[in-house]
Amino acid sequence: MEKRGKTFKSETFIFIILIILLIIYRFWILINFGFKYTDSDQTIMWLATVDYYHKSFHEPCFYGQSYNTMLESFLAIPLYAVGCPLYIALPVVTSLLTLFPFIYISILTFIKRSKKTAILLLSLTFLLPIEYDLLTCLSRGFVTGIAIVSLSFHSLFRPFKRNSFFLFGLLSAIGFIVNSNSILLSMPCLLFLFLNNFKNKYFYIEIIMSLLCGFVLFYLMKSFYIYHPNYNLHKYDYKFSWSFFVNGFSSLDKLFNYITPIFWKQGFVVLFIPIIFTAYFFKRKMHIEALVSASLSVLILLSLFVSKVYNGTTSIFSPYARMYLAIPLVLVVLLSFIRTRNKYFTIIFVLISVFILSYKFIYTKKEIKECMNRSKSVIGVMNTKKLLSECEELSTISQKYNIDLMVISFHWNYDFYNYGCPACIEDFPKTLRPAYERRTWRLIEDENYVYENLMIIDLKRDLSNEFDFVSKIQEKSGFYLIKNNILPTKLLLDKLNITVRPY
């Protein structure tokens, strides 16, 4: 009895230490990456936090598109309200959403199944590539759907409880609505519940009811863009093709390198890990768990038929892997089914994991530098301090000339100026990017409004030579001033030959 008590205490101690190490490491990632760099999409998230804080809700999805959400912006409101800078608040929220599922299922496993297995689950998180750690602190909606589905993990530990069915179905539906990449997590979990309850009529009733509720939410969200089509600027249509599968199967590494444990440069291995689990479960006569693990391989193969998974680059800021971020968590779920009693295996696994974590601490900065030098992202990337400095400079110039509206016609940093600066600086003038403004309501409200003093930013044209009512702003190249304007914004932009997108 005394020996068992000592074992319990040592396992609890190791478990707590691993959680602390995981949190410290994620904070290390934030300090060296999450707080230091941002991208144009994240600055839109910044602005959404400010909008939500002021109770301005303009559309249900990410500004300018009918998919993905700005849940991180909403959750960052308390931090923003107490004075936390946006470039810190948003990555902190995203990192917490990333950590929550791993810690939650580890705690459930520790309490309800096996303490040694729970230790293995936490250790597995240390084996993931550094790129995974980097991209899961980007506030881009990559992890929100997965986090929502993970709230139903308790269902996996009491699969016969009727009151778990409805909640699981509803959370899975909401997770899919928030981000479709969560389906790789929800489907194996749903299969586990189905195989345990296929003779239970209440399972079907509860699941169907929950999915119907989810469909209503999905319809309400999509109907906004049906009735307001011009709010859907950044459209994307899912396509399915055999050619997608062939191309994807021949380039698995680029899809999976950033989410594959241990084999960081051999992403194709992720296809075989569920097969290893399947063989193990069949050998142990755990047939339900074996089918669940096999389903992950099937889902991965099916995903290769979908065009969306190829909409990315090798850049950490727009990675292919964002569609597969649920896979490490599914592997953790599969591992939670194992009830290991071999303390030596657990010790060896933990030691290997801690060794790899030490490697990460040593080489994280080098890896970040390499990631920043890799093939360019399809979105703008900027050092946060540099952005804040430029915003302060623009604010100073705007105050000097009493600017009411800043129009970004052409500039490499247009989205940073358009969304990031007004988010970070309270008295920053209104901004507009006419050619690709995601905030449709801004185009509508400015159409007939007359701004007296405007700043036009255009690096391609010399507006002061084209129009006698436009003068150069000497402080910065490509910046122009219009004073005492009497024209409504739309008419003025037309007169300046500045393209305005349909709205």
Protein backbone atom coordinates (compact mmCIF):
# COMPACT_ATOMS: atom_id res chain seq x y z
CA MET A 1 0.00 0.00 0.00
CA GLU A 2 2.86 2.35 0.87
CA LYS A 3 4.60 1.49 -2.42
CA ARG A 4 1.42 2.23 -4.38
CA GLY A 5 1.12 5.59 -2.62
CA LYS A 6 4.70 6.49 -3.56
CA THR A 7 4.04 5.47 -7.17
CA PHE A 8 0.93 7.65 -7.26
CA LYS A 9 2.85 10.62 -5.89
CA SER A 10 5.72 10.19 -8.35
CA GLU A 11 3.34 9.86 -11.31
CA THR A 12 1.42 12.93 -10.19
CA PHE A 13 4.67 14.85 -9.78
CA ILE A 14 5.89 13.90 -13.28
CA PHE A 15 2.48 14.73 -14.76
CA ILE A 16 2.45 18.21 -13.20
CA ILE A 17 6.08 18.87 -14.20
CA LEU A 18 5.29 17.96 -17.83
CA ILE A 19 2.34 20.39 -17.88
CA ILE A 20 4.57 23.13 -16.46
CA LEU A 21 7.29 22.38 -19.04
CA LEU A 22 4.72 22.47 -21.83
CA ILE A 23 3.41 25.86 -20.70
CA ILE A 24 6.94 27.26 -20.29
CA TYR A 25 7.89 26.08 -23.77
CA ARG A 26 4.79 27.59 -25.36
CA PHE A 27 5.55 30.88 -23.61
CA TRP A 28 9.09 30.64 -25.00
CA ILE A 29 7.60 30.27 -28.48
CA LEU A 30 5.42 33.33 -27.92
CA ILE A 31 8.35 35.47 -26.77
CA ASN A 32 10.57 34.45 -29.68
CA PHE A 33 7.95 34.26 -32.41
CA GLY A 34 4.32 34.96 -31.58
CA PHE A 35 4.94 38.41 -30.10
CA LYS A 36 7.75 39.32 -32.53
CA TYR A 37 6.11 38.69 -35.91
CA THR A 38 2.68 39.18 -37.36
CA ASP A 39 0.96 38.97 -40.72
CA SER A 40 -1.73 40.90 -42.55
CA ASP A 41 -4.50 38.46 -41.59
CA GLN A 42 -3.61 38.70 -37.91
CA THR A 43 -3.92 42.49 -38.04
CA ILE A 44 -7.52 41.99 -39.20
CA MET A 45 -8.00 39.90 -36.05
CA TRP A 46 -6.55 42.78 -34.03
CA LEU A 47 -9.06 45.19 -35.51
CA ALA A 48 -11.92 42.75 -34.88
CA THR A 49 -11.00 42.64 -31.18
CA VAL A 50 -11.29 46.43 -31.02
CA ASP A 51 -14.60 46.30 -32.92
CA TYR A 52 -16.02 43.62 -30.63
CA TYR A 53 -14.83 45.51 -27.56
CA HIS A 54 -16.86 48.49 -28.77
CA LYS A 55 -19.84 46.18 -29.46
CA SER A 56 -19.53 46.49 -33.24
CA PHE A 57 -20.38 43.14 -34.85
CA HIS A 58 -20.43 43.49 -38.63
CA GLU A 59 -20.50 39.92 -39.98
CA PRO A 60 -20.41 36.35 -38.62
CA CYS A 61 -17.19 35.19 -40.29
CA PHE A 62 -13.71 36.51 -40.85
CA TYR A 63 -14.01 39.98 -42.38
CA GLY A 64 -14.59 39.74 -46.12
CA GLN A 65 -15.27 36.00 -46.42
CA SER A 66 -17.98 33.44 -45.69
CA TYR A 67 -15.80 30.92 -43.83
CA ASN A 68 -13.56 30.84 -40.75
CA THR A 69 -14.42 33.00 -37.76
CA MET A 70 -12.82 35.56 -35.49
CA LEU A 71 -13.39 33.63 -32.25
CA GLU A 72 -9.88 34.44 -31.06
CA SER A 73 -10.67 38.15 -31.40
CA PHE A 74 -13.75 37.72 -29.23
CA LEU A 75 -11.89 35.70 -26.59
CA ALA A 76 -9.11 38.31 -26.48
CA ILE A 77 -11.52 41.05 -25.34
CA PRO A 78 -10.82 40.58 -21.57
CA LEU A 79 -7.06 40.87 -22.11
CA TYR A 80 -7.52 43.91 -24.35
CA ALA A 81 -9.89 45.47 -21.81
CA VAL A 82 -7.23 45.39 -19.08
CA GLY A 83 -4.65 47.03 -21.35
CA CYS A 84 -2.85 44.05 -22.88
CA PRO A 85 -1.47 44.96 -26.34
CA LEU A 86 -3.23 43.23 -29.21
CA TYR A 87 -0.03 41.67 -30.55
CA ILE A 88 0.27 39.89 -27.19
CA ALA A 89 -3.39 39.22 -26.36
CA LEU A 90 -4.27 37.41 -29.59
CA PRO A 91 -1.29 34.98 -29.69
CA VAL A 92 -1.83 34.20 -25.98
CA VAL A 93 -5.47 33.28 -26.66
CA THR A 94 -4.49 31.15 -29.67
CA SER A 95 -1.80 29.33 -27.68
CA LEU A 96 -4.26 28.60 -24.87
CA LEU A 97 -6.75 27.21 -27.41
CA THR A 98 -3.95 25.01 -28.77
CA LEU A 99 -2.88 23.73 -25.36
CA PHE A 100 -6.33 23.17 -23.90
CA PRO A 101 -7.27 19.97 -25.82
CA PHE A 102 -3.96 18.26 -24.99
CA ILE A 103 -4.04 19.16 -21.31
CA TYR A 104 -7.77 18.41 -20.99
CA ILE A 105 -7.59 14.89 -22.43
CA SER A 106 -4.42 14.21 -20.44
CA ILE A 107 -6.19 15.15 -17.20
CA LEU A 108 -9.20 13.00 -18.12
CA THR A 109 -6.89 10.08 -18.89
CA PHE A 110 -4.96 10.61 -15.65
CA ILE A 111 -8.17 10.55 -13.58
CA LYS A 112 -10.25 7.94 -15.41
CA ARG A 113 -7.90 5.54 -17.19
CA SER A 114 -4.17 5.37 -16.62
CA LYS A 115 -1.74 7.78 -15.04
CA LYS A 116 1.16 6.37 -17.04
CA THR A 117 -0.79 6.80 -20.28
CA ALA A 118 -1.62 10.39 -19.33
CA ILE A 119 2.09 11.04 -18.94
CA LEU A 120 2.65 9.59 -22.43
CA LEU A 121 0.01 11.92 -23.87
CA LEU A 122 1.76 15.00 -22.53
CA SER A 123 5.13 13.67 -23.64
CA LEU A 124 3.84 13.23 -27.19
CA THR A 125 3.26 16.99 -27.49
CA PHE A 126 7.02 17.53 -27.10
CA LEU A 127 7.67 15.31 -30.14
CA LEU A 128 5.81 17.57 -32.57
CA PRO A 129 7.85 19.72 -35.00
CA ILE A 130 8.88 23.24 -34.10
CA GLU A 131 6.84 24.42 -37.10
CA TYR A 132 3.72 23.01 -35.45
CA ASP A 133 4.45 25.06 -32.34
CA LEU A 134 4.98 28.19 -34.43
CA LEU A 135 1.90 28.00 -36.63
CA THR A 136 -0.38 27.16 -33.68
CA CYS A 137 0.35 30.51 -32.07
CA LEU A 138 -0.78 32.42 -35.18
CA SER A 139 -4.18 34.03 -34.56
CA ARG A 140 -5.77 33.00 -37.83
CA GLY A 141 -8.60 30.69 -36.80
CA PHE A 142 -6.51 27.56 -37.42
CA VAL A 143 -7.14 25.93 -34.00
CA THR A 144 -10.53 27.29 -32.89
CA GLY A 145 -12.74 24.56 -34.37
CA ILE A 146 -10.48 21.85 -32.97
CA ALA A 147 -10.61 23.43 -29.50
CA ILE A 148 -14.41 23.51 -29.60
CA VAL A 149 -14.67 19.81 -30.55
CA SER A 150 -12.22 18.94 -27.76
CA LEU A 151 -14.71 20.26 -25.19
CA SER A 152 -16.60 17.01 -25.80
CA PHE A 153 -13.65 14.74 -24.91
CA HIS A 154 -15.39 13.65 -21.72
CA SER A 155 -17.81 11.73 -24.00
CA LEU A 156 -14.97 9.39 -24.96
CA PHE A 157 -14.56 8.42 -21.31
CA ARG A 158 -18.26 7.67 -20.78
CA PRO A 159 -19.42 6.60 -24.25
CA PHE A 160 -22.66 5.03 -22.99
CA LYS A 161 -23.95 8.13 -21.17
CA ARG A 162 -27.00 9.46 -22.98
CA ASN A 163 -26.42 13.07 -21.92
CA SER A 164 -23.05 13.04 -23.72
CA PHE A 165 -24.49 12.38 -27.18
CA PHE A 166 -26.25 15.68 -27.79
CA LEU A 167 -23.37 17.79 -26.47
CA PHE A 168 -20.84 15.90 -28.57
CA GLY A 169 -22.91 16.30 -31.74
CA LEU A 170 -23.52 20.00 -31.13
CA LEU A 171 -19.88 20.78 -30.35
CA SER A 172 -18.75 18.82 -33.40
CA ALA A 173 -21.16 20.77 -35.60
CA ILE A 174 -20.07 24.11 -34.15
CA GLY A 175 -16.41 23.12 -34.51
CA PHE A 176 -16.98 22.34 -38.20
CA ILE A 177 -18.78 25.67 -38.71
CA VAL A 178 -15.91 27.53 -37.06
CA ASN A 179 -13.23 25.70 -39.08
CA SER A 180 -13.70 22.64 -41.25
CA ASN A 181 -10.27 21.25 -40.32
CA SER A 182 -11.89 20.03 -37.08
CA ILE A 183 -13.65 17.24 -38.99
CA LEU A 184 -10.49 15.13 -38.79
CA LEU A 185 -10.98 15.10 -35.01
CA SER A 186 -14.76 14.91 -34.75
CA MET A 187 -15.26 12.03 -37.22
CA PRO A 188 -13.04 9.43 -35.45
CA CYS A 189 -14.61 10.44 -32.11
CA LEU A 190 -18.10 10.12 -33.61
CA LEU A 191 -17.19 6.67 -34.95
CA PHE A 192 -16.04 5.64 -31.46
CA LEU A 193 -19.38 6.69 -29.95
CA PHE A 194 -21.33 5.05 -32.80
CA LEU A 195 -19.57 1.69 -32.45
CA ASN A 196 -20.27 1.73 -28.73
CA ASN A 197 -23.94 2.69 -29.18
CA PHE A 198 -25.10 1.42 -32.59
CA LYS A 199 -27.94 -0.50 -30.88
CA ASN A 200 -28.97 2.46 -28.75
CA LYS A 201 -31.86 4.39 -30.33
CA TYR A 202 -31.24 7.38 -28.07
CA PHE A 203 -27.81 7.79 -29.63
CA TYR A 204 -29.35 8.40 -33.07
CA ILE A 205 -32.04 10.71 -31.68
CA GLU A 206 -29.58 12.86 -29.73
CA ILE A 207 -27.00 13.02 -32.53
CA ILE A 208 -29.60 13.90 -35.18
CA MET A 209 -31.10 16.58 -32.92
CA SER A 210 -27.68 18.09 -32.24
CA LEU A 211 -26.72 18.08 -35.92
CA LEU A 212 -30.02 19.76 -36.80
CA CYS A 213 -29.22 22.50 -34.29
CA GLY A 214 -25.80 22.79 -35.88
CA PHE A 215 -27.36 23.01 -39.33
CA VAL A 216 -29.57 25.90 -38.17
CA LEU A 217 -26.47 27.77 -36.97
CA PHE A 218 -24.69 26.98 -40.24
CA TYR A 219 -27.68 28.20 -42.27
CA LEU A 220 -27.95 31.43 -40.29
CA MET A 221 -24.26 32.13 -40.85
CA LYS A 222 -24.37 31.37 -44.57
CA SER A 223 -27.64 33.21 -45.11
CA PHE A 224 -25.94 36.46 -44.09
CA TYR A 225 -23.68 36.14 -47.14
CA ILE A 226 -26.55 35.02 -49.36
CA TYR A 227 -28.42 38.24 -48.56
CA HIS A 228 -25.22 40.32 -48.46
CA PRO A 229 -23.10 38.79 -51.27
CA ASN A 230 -20.74 41.76 -51.49
CA TYR A 231 -19.53 41.00 -47.96
CA ASN A 232 -18.06 37.79 -49.37
CA LEU A 233 -15.02 39.30 -51.05
CA HIS A 234 -12.54 36.46 -50.55
CA LYS A 235 -14.46 33.52 -52.00
CA TYR A 236 -13.39 29.90 -51.99
CA ASP A 237 -15.19 26.94 -53.56
CA TYR A 238 -14.33 23.40 -52.53
CA LYS A 239 -13.50 21.14 -55.47
CA PHE A 240 -12.98 17.39 -55.57
CA SER A 241 -10.83 15.59 -58.13
CA TRP A 242 -8.84 12.41 -58.68
CA SER A 243 -5.99 14.57 -60.00
CA PHE A 244 -5.84 16.31 -56.61
CA PHE A 245 -5.40 12.92 -54.95
CA VAL A 246 -2.62 11.86 -57.34
CA ASN A 247 -0.72 15.10 -56.89
CA GLY A 248 -1.23 15.07 -53.12
CA PHE A 249 -0.17 11.46 -52.68
CA SER A 250 3.05 12.18 -54.55
CA SER A 251 3.88 15.12 -52.26
CA LEU A 252 2.82 14.02 -48.78
CA ASP A 253 5.80 15.59 -47.06
CA LYS A 254 4.79 19.15 -47.90
CA LEU A 255 1.32 18.48 -46.45
CA PHE A 256 2.36 16.69 -43.26
CA ASN A 257 5.93 17.67 -42.33
CA TYR A 258 4.73 20.30 -39.87
CA ILE A 259 2.39 17.97 -37.92
CA THR A 260 4.23 14.62 -37.83
CA PRO A 261 5.71 13.60 -34.44
CA ILE A 262 9.44 12.69 -34.35
CA PHE A 263 9.75 12.34 -38.17
CA TRP A 264 9.74 16.08 -38.79
CA LYS A 265 11.05 15.89 -42.36
CA GLN A 266 9.23 12.69 -43.39
CA GLY A 267 5.61 13.76 -43.27
CA PHE A 268 4.43 10.69 -45.20
CA VAL A 269 4.97 8.68 -41.99
CA VAL A 270 1.75 10.15 -40.59
CA LEU A 271 -0.19 7.74 -42.83
CA PHE A 272 1.40 4.75 -41.12
CA ILE A 273 1.09 5.83 -37.48
CA PRO A 274 -2.68 5.05 -37.34
CA ILE A 275 -1.94 1.68 -38.96
CA ILE A 276 0.47 0.88 -36.12
CA PHE A 277 -2.25 1.79 -33.62
CA THR A 278 -4.73 -0.38 -35.55
CA ALA A 279 -2.43 -3.41 -35.42
CA TYR A 280 -1.84 -2.89 -31.70
CA PHE A 281 -5.56 -2.63 -30.91
CA PHE A 282 -6.46 -5.68 -32.99
CA LYS A 283 -3.79 -7.69 -31.22
CA ARG A 284 -5.31 -6.61 -27.89
CA LYS A 285 -8.81 -7.44 -29.22
CA MET A 286 -9.82 -3.80 -28.87
CA HIS A 287 -11.79 -3.90 -32.12
CA ILE A 288 -13.65 -0.62 -31.70
CA GLU A 289 -10.44 1.29 -31.03
CA ALA A 290 -8.81 -0.48 -34.00
CA LEU A 291 -11.56 0.68 -36.36
CA VAL A 292 -11.32 4.22 -35.01
CA SER A 293 -7.57 4.35 -35.62
CA ALA A 294 -8.01 2.89 -39.12
CA SER A 295 -10.58 5.59 -39.86
CA LEU A 296 -7.92 8.28 -39.42
CA SER A 297 -5.87 6.85 -42.30
CA VAL A 298 -9.03 6.68 -44.43
CA LEU A 299 -9.93 10.30 -43.62
CA ILE A 300 -6.42 11.48 -44.46
CA LEU A 301 -6.56 9.71 -47.83
CA LEU A 302 -10.03 11.10 -48.57
CA SER A 303 -8.83 14.62 -47.77
CA LEU A 304 -6.34 14.37 -50.61
CA PHE A 305 -9.26 14.60 -53.06
CA VAL A 306 -10.18 18.08 -51.75
CA SER A 307 -8.77 21.24 -53.34
CA LYS A 308 -8.68 23.21 -50.08
CA VAL A 309 -5.79 21.21 -48.61
CA TYR A 310 -3.52 22.42 -51.43
CA ASN A 311 -4.37 26.08 -50.86
CA GLY A 312 -1.14 26.94 -49.09
CA THR A 313 2.65 27.19 -49.24
CA THR A 314 5.65 25.94 -47.29
CA SER A 315 5.68 29.26 -45.41
CA ILE A 316 4.77 28.99 -41.74
CA PHE A 317 2.31 31.86 -42.25
CA SER A 318 0.24 30.10 -44.94
CA PRO A 319 1.08 26.41 -44.50
CA TYR A 320 -0.55 23.39 -46.10
CA ALA A 321 -0.48 21.80 -42.63
CA ARG A 322 -3.16 24.15 -41.25
CA MET A 323 -5.82 21.80 -42.65
CA TYR A 324 -4.28 18.87 -40.73
CA LEU A 325 -3.70 20.41 -37.30
CA ALA A 326 -6.21 17.98 -35.76
CA ILE A 327 -4.06 14.93 -36.57
CA PRO A 328 -1.67 15.22 -33.57
CA LEU A 329 -4.69 15.48 -31.29
CA VAL A 330 -6.32 12.39 -32.85
CA LEU A 331 -3.08 10.50 -32.20
CA VAL A 332 -3.30 11.62 -28.57
CA VAL A 333 -6.90 10.35 -28.43
CA LEU A 334 -5.78 6.97 -29.79
CA LEU A 335 -2.94 6.84 -27.29
CA SER A 336 -5.41 7.54 -24.47
CA PHE A 337 -7.08 4.17 -25.18
CA ILE A 338 -3.89 2.35 -24.21
CA ARG A 339 -3.56 1.32 -20.56
CA THR A 340 0.17 0.91 -20.14
CA ARG A 341 1.56 -0.52 -16.92
CA ASN A 342 5.18 -0.68 -17.98
CA LYS A 343 6.85 2.04 -15.95
CA TYR A 344 10.20 1.56 -17.73
CA PHE A 345 8.64 2.22 -21.14
CA THR A 346 6.99 5.31 -19.72
CA ILE A 347 10.26 6.55 -18.24
CA ILE A 348 12.15 6.00 -21.51
CA PHE A 349 9.40 7.74 -23.50
CA VAL A 350 9.43 10.71 -21.13
CA LEU A 351 13.23 10.97 -21.24
CA ILE A 352 13.21 10.97 -25.05
CA SER A 353 10.49 13.62 -25.07
CA VAL A 354 12.33 15.83 -22.59
CA PHE A 355 15.51 15.44 -24.64
CA ILE A 356 13.65 16.59 -27.77
CA LEU A 357 12.13 19.46 -25.80
CA SER A 358 15.64 20.50 -24.76
CA TYR A 359 16.65 20.40 -28.42
CA LYS A 360 13.71 22.66 -29.22
CA PHE A 361 14.73 25.18 -26.57
CA ILE A 362 18.25 25.30 -28.02
CA TYR A 363 17.35 25.44 -31.72
CA THR A 364 14.02 27.29 -31.72
CA LYS A 365 15.57 30.65 -32.62
CA LYS A 366 17.55 29.12 -35.47
CA GLU A 367 14.44 27.35 -36.77
CA ILE A 368 12.44 30.58 -36.59
CA LYS A 369 15.10 32.32 -38.68
CA GLU A 370 14.96 29.51 -41.24
CA CYS A 371 11.15 29.64 -41.30
CA MET A 372 11.25 33.38 -41.94
CA ASN A 373 13.65 32.82 -44.86
CA ARG A 374 11.62 30.06 -46.51
CA SER A 375 9.48 30.56 -49.60
CA LYS A 376 7.37 33.67 -49.32
CA SER A 377 3.88 33.59 -47.91
CA VAL A 378 0.83 34.61 -49.92
CA ILE A 379 0.11 37.15 -47.19
CA GLY A 380 2.24 39.97 -45.84
CA VAL A 381 4.59 39.26 -42.92
CA MET A 382 6.11 41.94 -40.71
CA ASN A 383 8.11 42.42 -37.53
CA THR A 384 5.67 43.63 -34.88
CA LYS A 385 7.96 46.36 -33.52
CA LYS A 386 8.54 47.67 -37.04
CA LEU A 387 4.80 47.77 -37.68
CA LEU A 388 4.08 49.61 -34.43
CA SER A 389 6.85 52.09 -35.23
CA GLU A 390 5.44 52.76 -38.70
CA CYS A 391 1.93 53.16 -37.30
CA GLU A 392 3.22 55.74 -34.81
CA GLU A 393 4.94 57.58 -37.66
CA LEU A 394 1.76 57.58 -39.76
CA SER A 395 -0.22 58.77 -36.76
CA THR A 396 2.19 61.68 -36.23
CA ILE A 397 1.96 62.69 -39.90
CA SER A 398 -1.84 62.38 -39.79
CA GLN A 399 -2.05 64.65 -36.76
CA LYS A 400 0.23 67.21 -38.41
CA TYR A 401 -2.02 67.48 -41.47
CA ASN A 402 -5.28 66.89 -39.59
CA ILE A 403 -6.09 63.82 -41.71
CA ASP A 404 -9.68 62.53 -41.60
CA LEU A 405 -9.31 59.57 -43.98
CA MET A 406 -6.27 57.56 -45.07
CA VAL A 407 -6.73 55.88 -48.46
CA ILE A 408 -4.25 53.10 -49.25
CA SER A 409 -4.24 52.79 -53.04
CA PHE A 410 -0.96 50.92 -53.49
CA HIS A 411 1.65 50.05 -50.87
CA TRP A 412 3.40 46.84 -49.85
CA ASN A 413 2.07 47.29 -46.31
CA TYR A 414 -1.51 48.19 -47.26
CA ASP A 415 -3.25 45.67 -44.98
CA PHE A 416 -0.95 46.46 -42.08
CA TYR A 417 -1.77 50.16 -42.42
CA ASN A 418 -5.44 49.58 -43.19
CA TYR A 419 -6.24 47.21 -40.31
CA GLY A 420 -3.27 47.08 -37.95
CA CYS A 421 -2.65 50.78 -37.37
CA PRO A 422 -6.23 51.78 -36.44
CA ALA A 423 -6.37 48.73 -34.15
CA CYS A 424 -3.20 49.68 -32.26
CA ILE A 425 -3.57 53.48 -32.12
CA GLU A 426 -6.78 54.82 -30.62
CA ASP A 427 -6.91 58.19 -32.40
CA PHE A 428 -5.69 56.90 -35.76
CA PRO A 429 -7.70 58.32 -38.70
CA LYS A 430 -10.19 56.18 -40.58
CA THR A 431 -8.62 53.97 -43.24
CA LEU A 432 -9.77 52.53 -46.55
CA ARG A 433 -8.24 50.18 -49.10
CA PRO A 434 -10.66 50.71 -52.02
CA ALA A 435 -9.41 47.97 -54.36
CA TYR A 436 -9.63 45.14 -51.80
CA GLU A 437 -11.35 46.43 -48.69
CA ARG A 438 -12.57 43.49 -46.58
CA ARG A 439 -14.82 45.75 -44.50
CA THR A 440 -17.71 46.19 -46.91
CA TRP A 441 -19.53 48.41 -44.41
CA ARG A 442 -16.67 50.91 -44.61
CA LEU A 443 -17.17 51.31 -48.36
CA ILE A 444 -20.90 51.78 -47.83
CA GLU A 445 -20.61 54.34 -45.04
CA ASP A 446 -17.92 56.35 -46.86
CA GLU A 447 -19.54 56.35 -50.30
CA ASN A 448 -21.39 59.65 -49.87
CA TYR A 449 -19.44 61.02 -46.93
CA VAL A 450 -17.26 64.10 -47.48
CA TYR A 451 -13.89 64.02 -45.71
CA GLU A 452 -12.16 67.40 -45.59
CA ASN A 453 -8.53 66.26 -45.41
CA LEU A 454 -7.34 63.00 -46.94
CA MET A 455 -4.03 61.18 -47.17
CA ILE A 456 -3.56 59.05 -50.29
CA ILE A 457 -0.85 56.37 -50.26
CA ASP A 458 0.29 55.22 -53.72
CA LEU A 459 3.80 54.06 -54.59
CA LYS A 460 2.99 53.50 -58.28
CA ARG A 461 1.75 56.92 -59.34
CA ASP A 462 2.75 60.52 -58.79
CA LEU A 463 -0.66 61.95 -57.97
CA SER A 464 0.72 65.46 -57.44
CA ASN A 465 1.69 65.60 -61.14
CA GLU A 466 -1.66 64.21 -62.29
CA PHE A 467 -3.93 66.49 -60.24
CA ASP A 468 -3.39 70.09 -59.22
CA PHE A 469 -5.44 69.68 -56.01
CA VAL A 470 -3.08 66.95 -54.74
CA SER A 471 0.22 67.78 -53.03
CA LYS A 472 3.08 65.62 -51.83
CA ILE A 473 3.62 64.84 -48.17
CA GLN A 474 7.33 65.41 -47.77
CA GLU A 475 7.80 63.13 -44.77
CA LYS A 476 7.27 59.89 -46.76
CA SER A 477 7.63 58.93 -50.41
CA GLY A 478 4.38 58.00 -52.14
CA PHE A 479 2.21 59.86 -49.63
CA TYR A 480 -0.11 62.59 -50.89
CA LEU A 481 -2.39 65.19 -49.32
CA ILE A 482 -5.80 66.51 -50.34
CA LYS A 483 -6.99 69.48 -48.28
CA ASN A 484 -10.38 71.16 -48.16
CA ASN A 485 -12.04 68.41 -50.17
CA ILE A 486 -15.72 68.94 -51.05
CA LEU A 487 -16.40 65.70 -52.96
CA PRO A 488 -18.04 62.54 -51.54
CA THR A 489 -15.51 59.74 -51.15
CA LYS A 490 -16.72 57.61 -54.07
CA LEU A 491 -16.72 60.54 -56.50
CA LEU A 492 -13.29 61.61 -55.31
CA LEU A 493 -11.83 58.13 -55.78
CA ASP A 494 -13.34 57.94 -59.27
CA LYS A 495 -11.83 61.32 -60.11
CA LEU A 496 -8.42 60.10 -58.89
CA ASN A 497 -8.81 56.92 -61.01
CA ILE A 498 -8.44 54.77 -57.89
CA THR A 499 -10.11 51.39 -58.34
CA VAL A 500 -12.96 50.66 -55.96
CA ARG A 501 -14.14 47.07 -55.67
CA PRO A 502 -17.85 46.29 -56.18
CA TYR A 503 -19.87 46.50 -52.98
